[in-house]
């Protein structure tokens, strides 16, 4: 029956979660396409999973717990430093 799709047990092993919503979140974060059945269980085609995949890393390993403020404010800092250094040599 599960020749083309992963069985619910295989999806549970790969994602590391029992709840369907958490399984779906893991699959989305890893870019694995899936659809759901009438009971909201994810259905994943075997061709969408690399052979030999035993378990996906948890989402928290990729997502930082705090924002990267250097990435957010980095442009503003560089811009202000550039302008302040170029105007520092000008005397009125």
Protein backbone atom coordinates (compact mmCIF):
# COMPACT_ATOMS: atom_id res chain seq x y z
CA UNK A 1 0.00 0.00 0.00
CA UNK A 2 2.88 2.40 0.73
CA UNK A 3 4.94 1.73 -2.37
CA UNK A 4 4.80 5.31 -3.67
CA UNK A 5 4.35 7.12 -0.36
CA UNK A 6 5.98 6.94 3.03
CA UNK A 7 4.05 5.13 5.72
CA UNK A 8 2.94 7.10 8.80
CA UNK A 9 5.60 5.28 10.82
CA UNK A 10 8.32 6.29 8.35
CA UNK A 11 7.21 9.92 8.47
CA UNK A 12 7.29 9.77 12.24
CA UNK A 13 10.82 8.32 12.19
CA UNK A 14 12.11 10.88 9.70
CA UNK A 15 10.58 13.95 11.36
CA UNK A 16 11.01 12.76 14.93
CA UNK A 17 7.49 13.85 15.86
CA UNK A 18 4.25 11.98 16.51
CA UNK A 19 1.84 14.91 16.04
CA UNK A 20 0.79 15.62 12.48
CA UNK A 21 1.14 19.38 12.82
CA UNK A 22 4.73 19.07 14.02
CA UNK A 23 5.50 16.62 11.22
CA UNK A 24 4.11 19.09 8.70
CA UNK A 25 6.18 21.92 10.17
CA UNK A 26 9.36 19.82 9.93
CA UNK A 27 8.60 18.88 6.34
CA UNK A 28 7.87 22.51 5.38
CA UNK A 29 11.06 23.80 7.00
CA UNK A 30 13.13 21.26 5.09
CA UNK A 31 11.39 22.00 1.80
CA UNK A 32 9.87 18.54 1.42
CA UNK A 33 6.60 18.71 -0.52
CA UNK A 34 3.62 16.89 0.92
CA UNK A 35 -0.15 16.84 0.91
CA UNK A 36 -2.59 15.92 3.65
CA UNK A 37 -5.33 13.33 3.84
CA UNK A 38 -8.76 13.72 5.38
CA UNK A 39 -7.36 13.29 8.89
CA UNK A 40 -4.65 15.96 8.36
CA UNK A 41 -1.86 13.38 8.17
CA UNK A 42 1.00 14.34 5.84
CA UNK A 43 1.44 12.24 2.71
CA UNK A 44 4.98 12.31 1.30
CA UNK A 45 6.03 10.72 -1.97
CA UNK A 46 9.10 8.50 -1.70
CA UNK A 47 10.77 10.29 -4.62
CA UNK A 48 10.82 13.52 -2.55
CA UNK A 49 13.01 12.00 0.17
CA UNK A 50 16.69 11.28 -0.42
CA UNK A 51 17.58 7.64 -0.07
CA UNK A 52 19.24 6.85 3.21
CA UNK A 53 17.52 9.66 5.10
CA UNK A 54 16.97 8.36 8.59
CA UNK A 55 16.05 11.52 10.51
CA UNK A 56 15.84 15.21 9.66
CA UNK A 57 17.56 17.69 11.96
CA UNK A 58 15.11 19.50 14.20
CA UNK A 59 13.92 22.93 13.11
CA UNK A 60 15.51 24.57 16.14
CA UNK A 61 18.96 23.64 14.83
CA UNK A 62 18.42 26.00 11.88
CA UNK A 63 16.47 28.78 13.53
CA UNK A 64 18.20 31.12 15.95
CA UNK A 65 16.40 31.87 19.17
CA UNK A 66 17.20 35.59 18.88
CA UNK A 67 17.33 37.80 15.79
CA UNK A 68 20.65 38.63 14.18
CA UNK A 69 20.79 42.38 14.82
CA UNK A 70 23.98 42.75 12.78
CA UNK A 71 22.08 41.51 9.75
CA UNK A 72 19.20 43.86 10.49
CA UNK A 73 21.17 47.00 11.36
CA UNK A 74 24.39 46.16 9.53
CA UNK A 75 23.64 48.36 6.51
CA UNK A 76 22.77 51.36 8.64
CA UNK A 77 26.01 51.06 10.62
CA UNK A 78 28.17 50.75 7.53
CA UNK A 79 26.36 53.60 5.87
CA UNK A 80 26.72 55.95 8.82
CA UNK A 81 30.40 55.05 9.27
CA UNK A 82 31.02 55.71 5.61
CA UNK A 83 29.35 59.09 5.72
CA UNK A 84 30.93 60.09 9.01
CA UNK A 85 34.45 59.25 7.79
CA UNK A 86 33.95 61.11 4.50
CA UNK A 87 32.66 64.23 6.23
CA UNK A 88 35.27 64.12 9.01
CA UNK A 89 37.99 65.58 6.76
CA UNK A 90 35.87 68.51 5.61
CA UNK A 91 36.33 71.68 7.64
CA UNK A 92 33.99 74.62 7.43
